[in-house]
Amino acid sequence: MTMLSLLDAELAFGDVPLLDRAALSVQDGERIGLIGRNGTGKSSLLGVLAGRLQLDSGELKLRDGLAIVGVEQEPELPAAAHLHESLLRRGHIPAIHDERERWRVEARLAEYLQRFAVDGSRETTSASGGERKRAALALAFALGPDLLLLDE
C-alpha cells in the first residue's frame, strides 16, 4: 500500500533547482536511502516529505492518518533542565490528548534513551552532538511513526 507519493515536484532556492519534476512513491515496508553530494537537495526532499518545506510546484499525497517523524542532521533541543524534559517539549511532537497514550510514549522514550545509552537526566546544554542525535532518535522511535525520516 502506498504511504506517500510525490508528483512533478519542483523546489528551488534562488536559481538552483533542487527538485526538477521529481517523482517518488513510498510503499509500506520499504527502506529507501538517498545518496548524493552536499547541497543536492537530500535534506530539502526530506523536509518536503516531513511537511517542514513547501514545494514550489507539484503535489505531495499522503495516506490518511500517516504519522511521519523526522530526525534532522543536527537536532536542536529546546532549553530544559534535562534531556528527557527537553524531548517532551519538542515542537514537532504531535499533541497527545489521551493520558494513557502519553504515558506509553513517555515510557517508550525512557526505554529508548536507555537503549541508545543517553542519560535523560543530563543537562541539555552539556549534551554533545552525538548525545543530542541519539536522544532525538530515541524520541522518534518512542513515537512509533508509520514513516521515519532520518537525515544523515
Foldseek 3Di string as FASTA:
>chain_A
DWFKKWAQFWDDDPPRTLDGRDIDIDDQPDDDDDDDDPPNCPVVVVCVVQVNDDTPDTDMDGDPPAFEDEQAPQDDFDFDQWQLVRLVPDPPDDDDPDPVLVVQLSVQLVVQCVVLVADRNHGPVPDDRVNRRSSSVSSVVSSPGSYYHYDD
